[in-house]
Protein backbone atom coordinates (compact mmCIF):
# COMPACT_ATOMS: atom_id res chain seq x y z
CA MET A 1 26.92 1.25 4.55
CA GLU A 2 23.22 1.67 3.81
CA VAL A 3 21.65 4.81 5.26
CA ILE A 4 18.83 4.09 7.72
CA TYR A 5 15.93 6.52 7.46
CA ILE A 6 13.40 7.24 10.16
CA THR A 7 10.14 7.54 8.26
CA ASP A 8 6.39 7.49 8.63
CA TYR A 9 5.42 3.99 7.51
CA ARG A 10 1.89 5.12 6.72
CA ASP A 11 2.94 7.12 3.68
CA SER A 12 6.20 5.40 2.75
CA LYS A 13 4.64 3.11 0.13
CA GLU A 14 2.94 6.00 -1.64
CA ARG A 15 6.14 8.04 -1.52
CA ILE A 16 8.08 5.17 -3.09
CA LEU A 17 5.52 4.93 -5.91
CA ILE A 18 5.60 8.67 -6.60
CA THR A 19 9.40 8.78 -6.55
CA ALA A 20 9.72 5.65 -8.67
CA GLU A 21 7.37 7.10 -11.27
CA ASP A 22 9.67 10.12 -11.64
CA VAL A 23 12.80 7.97 -11.90
CA PHE A 24 11.30 5.45 -14.34
CA ALA A 25 10.03 8.32 -16.50
CA GLN A 26 13.52 9.81 -16.65
CA LYS A 27 15.58 6.64 -17.04
CA GLY A 28 13.31 3.74 -17.93
CA LEU A 29 13.34 0.40 -16.15
CA ALA A 30 16.86 -0.55 -17.25
CA GLY A 31 18.42 2.77 -16.25
CA ALA A 32 16.65 3.18 -12.90
CA ARG A 33 18.49 2.16 -9.73
CA VAL A 34 16.79 0.94 -6.57
CA ASN A 35 19.34 2.79 -4.43
CA ASP A 36 18.45 6.08 -6.14
CA ILE A 37 14.70 5.52 -5.73
CA ALA A 38 15.05 4.62 -2.06
CA ALA A 39 17.28 7.61 -1.35
CA LYS A 40 15.00 10.08 -3.13
CA ALA A 41 11.94 8.60 -1.41
CA ARG A 42 13.77 8.80 1.94
CA VAL A 43 13.11 5.15 2.80
CA ASN A 44 15.23 2.16 3.65
CA LYS A 45 15.94 0.03 0.57
CA ARG A 46 14.74 -3.03 2.45
CA MET A 47 11.35 -1.38 2.87
CA LEU A 48 11.11 -0.97 -0.90
CA TYR A 49 11.78 -4.67 -1.39
CA HIS A 50 9.29 -5.50 1.35
CA TYR A 51 6.50 -3.67 -0.46
CA PHE A 52 7.32 -4.55 -4.07
CA GLY A 53 9.70 -7.51 -4.06
CA SER A 54 12.01 -6.24 -6.80
CA LYS A 55 12.68 -3.33 -9.12
CA GLU A 56 10.50 -5.02 -11.73
CA GLY A 57 7.72 -5.42 -9.17
CA LEU A 58 7.91 -1.72 -8.36
CA TYR A 59 7.89 -0.82 -12.05
CA GLU A 60 4.78 -2.92 -12.66
CA ALA A 61 3.12 -1.33 -9.62
CA VAL A 62 3.75 2.13 -11.12
CA LEU A 63 2.28 0.96 -14.43
CA ARG A 64 -0.73 -0.53 -12.63
CA VAL A 65 -1.48 2.68 -10.71
CA ASN A 66 -1.50 4.70 -13.93
CA LEU A 67 -3.52 2.15 -15.91
CA GLU A 68 -6.12 2.14 -13.14
CA LYS A 69 -6.42 5.91 -13.60
CA VAL A 70 -7.04 5.39 -17.31
CA TYR A 71 -9.64 2.72 -16.59
CA SER A 72 -11.38 5.00 -14.08
CA ILE A 73 -12.36 7.21 -17.02
CA GLU A 74 -15.16 4.76 -17.73
CA ASP A 75 -16.69 5.38 -14.30
CA LYS A 76 -17.24 9.04 -15.21
CA LEU A 77 -19.27 8.31 -18.34
CA SER A 78 -22.42 6.97 -16.70
CA SER A 79 -23.65 10.45 -15.73
CA LEU A 80 -23.69 11.54 -19.39
CA ASN A 81 -26.83 11.02 -21.44
CA SER A 82 -26.33 10.51 -25.17
CA VAL A 83 -23.85 8.19 -26.86
CA ILE A 84 -22.22 11.24 -28.47
CA GLU A 85 -21.71 12.85 -25.06
CA ARG A 86 -20.22 9.65 -23.65
CA ILE A 87 -17.77 9.14 -26.52
CA THR A 88 -16.82 12.82 -26.30
CA GLY A 89 -16.37 12.50 -22.54
CA ALA A 90 -14.16 9.42 -22.86
CA ILE A 91 -11.87 11.08 -25.40
CA ARG A 92 -11.70 14.32 -23.43
CA GLN A 93 -10.91 12.51 -20.17
CA TYR A 94 -8.16 10.42 -21.78
CA PHE A 95 -6.66 13.39 -23.62
CA TYR A 96 -6.41 15.50 -20.48
CA PHE A 97 -5.16 12.54 -18.44
CA LEU A 98 -2.18 12.43 -20.80
CA ALA A 99 -1.79 16.22 -20.62
CA GLU A 100 -1.71 16.12 -16.82
CA ASN A 101 0.48 13.01 -16.50
CA PRO A 102 3.64 13.50 -18.59
CA ASN A 103 5.44 10.83 -16.55
CA PHE A 104 2.95 8.24 -17.80
CA VAL A 105 3.62 9.27 -21.40
CA ARG A 106 7.39 8.92 -20.92
CA ILE A 107 7.11 5.59 -19.07
CA MET A 108 4.95 4.22 -21.87
CA GLU A 109 7.56 5.37 -24.40
CA TRP A 110 10.24 3.46 -22.49
CA GLU A 111 7.96 0.43 -22.26
CA PHE A 112 7.32 0.40 -26.02
CA LEU A 113 11.06 0.69 -26.70
CA GLN A 114 11.71 -2.29 -24.42
CA GLY A 115 9.19 -4.56 -26.12
CA SER A 116 6.16 -3.95 -23.84
CA GLU A 117 6.96 -7.04 -21.76
CA HIS A 118 5.59 -5.66 -18.51
CA LEU A 119 2.67 -3.84 -20.11
CA SER A 120 1.61 -7.06 -21.83
CA LYS A 121 1.33 -8.78 -18.43
CA LEU A 122 -1.18 -6.17 -17.30
CA PHE A 123 -3.27 -6.01 -20.48
CA SER A 124 -5.39 -8.98 -19.45
CA ARG A 125 -6.93 -6.58 -16.93
CA TYR A 126 -6.06 -3.12 -18.27
CA ASP A 127 -6.50 -3.13 -22.04
CA ILE A 128 -6.50 0.61 -22.68
CA TYR A 129 -6.96 -0.03 -26.41
CA ASN A 130 -10.36 -1.65 -25.92
CA LEU A 131 -12.17 -0.11 -22.95
CA PRO A 132 -15.33 -2.22 -22.39
CA GLU A 133 -17.59 0.74 -21.60
CA VAL A 134 -16.57 2.61 -24.75
CA ALA A 135 -17.18 -0.52 -26.82
CA SER A 136 -20.61 -0.79 -25.19
CA VAL A 137 -21.43 2.84 -26.03
CA LEU A 138 -20.41 2.27 -29.64
CA LYS A 139 -22.68 -0.76 -29.84
CA GLU A 140 -25.51 1.27 -28.34
CA GLY A 141 -24.97 4.01 -30.93
CA ILE A 142 -25.04 1.43 -33.73
CA ASN A 143 -28.29 -0.04 -32.40
CA GLU A 144 -29.81 3.45 -32.25
CA GLY A 145 -28.84 4.06 -35.87
CA ILE A 146 -26.52 6.94 -34.95
CA PHE A 147 -23.18 5.26 -35.76
CA HIS A 148 -22.15 3.25 -38.80
CA ALA A 149 -22.79 -0.47 -38.30
CA ASP A 150 -19.35 -1.58 -39.48
CA ILE A 151 -17.32 0.19 -36.78
CA ASP A 152 -14.55 -1.95 -35.30
CA SER A 153 -14.18 -0.74 -31.70
CA ARG A 154 -10.62 -2.08 -31.44
CA HIS A 155 -9.39 -0.12 -34.46
CA LEU A 156 -11.29 2.97 -33.36
CA MET A 157 -9.75 2.87 -29.87
CA LEU A 158 -6.30 2.32 -31.37
CA SER A 159 -6.77 5.35 -33.63
CA ILE A 160 -8.00 7.52 -30.75
CA ASN A 161 -5.07 6.42 -28.61
CA ALA A 162 -2.60 7.21 -31.39
CA MET A 163 -4.05 10.67 -32.07
CA CYS A 164 -3.92 11.55 -28.38
CA PHE A 165 -0.68 9.86 -27.31
CA MET A 166 1.45 10.90 -30.29
CA TYR A 167 0.60 14.54 -29.67
CA PHE A 168 2.09 14.47 -26.19
CA ASN A 169 5.16 12.36 -26.88
CA ARG A 170 6.02 14.65 -29.81
CA ALA A 171 5.01 17.95 -28.20
CA GLY A 172 8.59 19.20 -27.88
CA ALA A 173 9.43 18.59 -31.53
CA LEU A 174 6.08 19.95 -32.71
CA GLY A 175 6.61 23.10 -30.68
CA ALA A 176 9.93 23.71 -32.42
CA VAL A 177 8.40 23.17 -35.87
CA TRP A 178 5.19 25.12 -35.24
CA GLU A 179 6.97 27.72 -33.10
CA GLY A 180 4.41 27.57 -30.33
CA ASP A 181 3.56 26.06 -26.97
CA MET A 182 1.85 22.79 -27.80
CA LEU A 183 0.74 22.40 -24.18
CA SER A 184 -0.95 25.77 -23.79
CA PRO A 185 -4.68 25.61 -22.92
CA GLU A 186 -5.56 27.01 -26.33
CA MET A 187 -3.48 24.46 -28.26
CA LEU A 188 -4.77 21.58 -26.16
CA GLU A 189 -8.37 22.52 -26.92
CA GLU A 190 -7.53 22.99 -30.60
CA ARG A 191 -5.96 19.53 -30.76
CA LEU A 192 -8.83 17.92 -28.86
CA ARG A 193 -11.38 19.54 -31.16
CA HIS A 194 -9.54 18.15 -34.19
CA ILE A 195 -9.49 14.63 -32.71
CA LEU A 196 -13.23 14.79 -32.00
CA GLN A 197 -13.90 16.00 -35.54
CA VAL A 198 -11.92 13.13 -37.04
CA VAL A 199 -13.60 10.52 -34.84
CA PHE A 200 -17.19 11.65 -35.31
CA ARG A 201 -16.85 12.23 -39.03
CA ALA A 202 -15.76 8.61 -39.23
CA ILE A 203 -18.44 7.02 -37.05
CA LEU A 204 -21.56 9.18 -37.42
CA LYS A 205 -24.07 8.33 -40.12
CA GLU A 206 -24.96 12.03 -40.18
CA PRO A 207 -21.80 14.06 -39.40
CA GLY A 208 -23.93 17.15 -38.79
CA ALA A 209 -25.39 15.50 -35.69
CA CYS A 210 -22.68 17.13 -33.55
CA ASP A 211 -20.85 20.43 -33.76
CA PHE A 212 -17.12 20.61 -33.00
């Protein structure tokens, strides 16, 4: 018999999303069970289906919430002045988003292993490998004569994503090899500084124009 929970309907949807994110991060889409998510979220299973339609619908909702957070990085760049500051800000924001959201890193790992079927559906709106604002900043830097004219924004974003993402999904193994805490504030800043050095040495016409 299904357990009936008395719950506050105002926060039940958010609680389902938070709980589902934890479960999907631990078990992936295939391993997650709706019964487990509903029980841990303290909601009736029928309520979960009412909000999201299916386990796949819930999974895509969790992906969408996190991708919207990544996309919101662009909104924080407008207050910065130079193109160098805006590129630096975008990389820093994305890097620390990954540092602060380990569930997102694990869910993306599961998604890649499963062929990226659900992620591909969302890329028409949330293409984290080609953020429009970053591409616009790169074009602006090219027009100002600061960046090399032959930069391909897609390849650059892919490289930035790889340098950031791989660090966090390999942090445990790296810590064992390097015998240190790869997620300590000092190591995070060291890694971020290295990423910025690699990026700006590649795109700046005069690498000495910034100091990292």
